[in-house]
């Protein structure tokens, strides 16, 4: 019985960690897209031109 309980706890922890990784990966992609939009806006305004 203890072995089954331990396996259940390990599997629930593993599933939690895997879902957290997907969440962080998705958030990273969102931040990257925002950064690209900021770069595009800076280029459109000429803010990135060296003087």
N, C-alpha and C. Protein backbone atom coordinates (compact mmCIF):
# COMPACT_ATOMS: atom_id res chain seq x y z
N UNK A 1 0.82 -1.20 0.00
CA UNK A 1 0.00 0.00 0.00
C UNK A 1 0.86 1.26 0.00
N UNK A 2 1.94 1.23 0.77
CA UNK A 2 2.82 2.40 0.82
C UNK A 2 3.46 2.64 -0.55
N UNK A 3 3.76 1.55 -1.24
CA UNK A 3 4.39 1.68 -2.56
C UNK A 3 3.43 2.35 -3.55
N UNK A 4 2.17 1.96 -3.51
CA UNK A 4 1.18 2.56 -4.41
C UNK A 4 1.00 4.04 -4.09
N UNK A 5 0.95 4.38 -2.82
CA UNK A 5 0.80 5.78 -2.42
C UNK A 5 2.00 6.59 -2.89
N UNK A 6 3.19 6.02 -2.75
CA UNK A 6 4.40 6.72 -3.18
C UNK A 6 4.41 6.93 -4.69
N UNK A 7 4.01 5.90 -5.43
CA UNK A 7 3.95 6.03 -6.89
C UNK A 7 2.92 7.08 -7.32
N UNK A 8 1.79 7.13 -6.61
CA UNK A 8 0.78 8.15 -6.92
C UNK A 8 1.32 9.56 -6.66
N UNK A 9 2.01 9.74 -5.55
CA UNK A 9 2.58 11.05 -5.24
C UNK A 9 3.62 11.46 -6.27
N UNK A 10 4.47 10.52 -6.65
CA UNK A 10 5.51 10.82 -7.64
C UNK A 10 4.87 11.18 -8.99
N UNK A 11 3.84 10.43 -9.39
CA UNK A 11 3.21 10.72 -10.68
C UNK A 11 2.50 12.08 -10.66
N UNK A 12 1.83 12.42 -9.55
CA UNK A 12 1.17 13.72 -9.46
C UNK A 12 2.19 14.85 -9.47
N UNK A 13 3.32 14.68 -8.81
CA UNK A 13 4.38 15.68 -8.81
C UNK A 13 4.94 15.86 -10.22
N UNK A 14 5.13 14.72 -10.92
CA UNK A 14 5.67 14.78 -12.28
C UNK A 14 4.73 15.52 -13.23
N UNK A 15 3.45 15.23 -13.12
CA UNK A 15 2.47 15.89 -13.98
C UNK A 15 2.44 17.38 -13.68
N UNK A 16 2.53 17.75 -12.41
CA UNK A 16 2.55 19.16 -12.03
C UNK A 16 3.75 19.88 -12.59
N UNK A 17 4.90 19.23 -12.53
CA UNK A 17 6.12 19.84 -13.06
C UNK A 17 6.05 20.00 -14.58
N UNK A 18 5.53 18.99 -15.26
CA UNK A 18 5.44 19.07 -16.72
C UNK A 18 4.48 20.16 -17.16
N UNK A 19 3.38 20.31 -16.47
CA UNK A 19 2.43 21.36 -16.85
C UNK A 19 3.02 22.73 -16.54
N UNK A 20 3.80 22.85 -15.48
CA UNK A 20 4.44 24.12 -15.16
C UNK A 20 5.45 24.49 -16.24
N UNK A 21 6.17 23.50 -16.76
CA UNK A 21 7.14 23.78 -17.82
C UNK A 21 6.43 24.32 -19.06
N UNK A 22 5.29 23.75 -19.40
CA UNK A 22 4.54 24.24 -20.56
C UNK A 22 4.06 25.67 -20.32
N UNK A 23 3.66 25.97 -19.11
CA UNK A 23 3.19 27.31 -18.79
C UNK A 23 4.32 28.31 -18.92
N UNK A 24 5.47 27.98 -18.39
CA UNK A 24 6.63 28.88 -18.47
C UNK A 24 7.07 29.04 -19.91
N UNK A 25 7.03 27.95 -20.66
CA UNK A 25 7.42 28.02 -22.08
C UNK A 25 6.47 28.95 -22.84
N UNK A 26 5.18 28.85 -22.57
CA UNK A 26 4.19 29.71 -23.22
C UNK A 26 4.38 31.17 -22.83
N UNK A 27 4.67 31.39 -21.55
CA UNK A 27 4.89 32.77 -21.10
C UNK A 27 6.14 33.34 -21.76
N UNK A 28 7.16 32.53 -21.92
CA UNK A 28 8.38 32.98 -22.59
C UNK A 28 8.11 33.38 -24.03
N UNK A 29 7.28 32.62 -24.70
CA UNK A 29 6.92 32.95 -26.08
C UNK A 29 6.15 34.26 -26.14
N UNK A 30 5.25 34.47 -25.18
CA UNK A 30 4.49 35.72 -25.14
C UNK A 30 5.40 36.92 -24.92
N UNK A 31 6.35 36.78 -24.02
CA UNK A 31 7.29 37.87 -23.75
C UNK A 31 8.14 38.14 -24.98
N UNK A 32 8.54 37.09 -25.68
CA UNK A 32 9.34 37.26 -26.89
C UNK A 32 8.54 38.02 -27.96
N UNK A 33 7.26 37.69 -28.11
CA UNK A 33 6.43 38.39 -29.09
C UNK A 33 6.29 39.87 -28.75
N UNK A 34 6.12 40.16 -27.47
CA UNK A 34 6.02 41.56 -27.04
C UNK A 34 7.32 42.30 -27.35
N UNK A 35 8.45 41.65 -27.10
CA UNK A 35 9.74 42.26 -27.41
C UNK A 35 9.90 42.55 -28.89
N UNK A 36 9.43 41.62 -29.72
CA UNK A 36 9.51 41.85 -31.17
C UNK A 36 8.65 43.04 -31.58
N UNK A 37 7.47 43.17 -30.99
CA UNK A 37 6.60 44.30 -31.32
C UNK A 37 7.23 45.62 -30.89
N UNK A 38 7.90 45.63 -29.73
CA UNK A 38 8.57 46.84 -29.27
C UNK A 38 9.71 47.20 -30.22
N UNK A 39 10.46 46.19 -30.66
CA UNK A 39 11.54 46.46 -31.62
C UNK A 39 10.99 47.03 -32.92
N UNK A 40 9.90 46.44 -33.40
CA UNK A 40 9.29 46.94 -34.64
C UNK A 40 8.83 48.38 -34.49
N UNK A 41 8.23 48.70 -33.36
CA UNK A 41 7.76 50.07 -33.12
C UNK A 41 8.94 51.03 -33.04
N UNK A 42 10.03 50.60 -32.42
CA UNK A 42 11.21 51.45 -32.32
C UNK A 42 11.81 51.71 -33.70
N UNK A 43 11.82 50.69 -34.53
CA UNK A 43 12.34 50.86 -35.89
C UNK A 43 11.45 51.79 -36.71
N UNK A 44 10.13 51.68 -36.52
CA UNK A 44 9.19 52.52 -37.26
C UNK A 44 9.35 54.00 -36.90
N UNK A 45 9.67 54.29 -35.66
CA UNK A 45 9.81 55.67 -35.22
C UNK A 45 11.21 56.22 -35.47
N UNK A 46 12.12 55.33 -35.86
CA UNK A 46 13.50 55.77 -36.10
C UNK A 46 14.31 55.88 -34.82
N UNK A 47 13.83 55.32 -33.74
CA UNK A 47 14.51 55.43 -32.47
C UNK A 47 15.79 54.60 -32.40
N UNK A 48 15.97 53.69 -33.32
CA UNK A 48 17.13 52.82 -33.29
C UNK A 48 18.23 53.28 -34.24
N UNK A 49 18.02 54.40 -34.94
CA UNK A 49 19.03 54.90 -35.86
C UNK A 49 20.20 55.50 -35.09
N UNK A 50 21.42 55.07 -35.40
CA UNK A 50 22.58 55.68 -34.71
C UNK A 50 22.80 57.11 -35.20
N UNK A 51 23.29 57.94 -34.34
CA UNK A 51 23.54 59.34 -34.73
C UNK A 51 24.96 59.55 -35.11
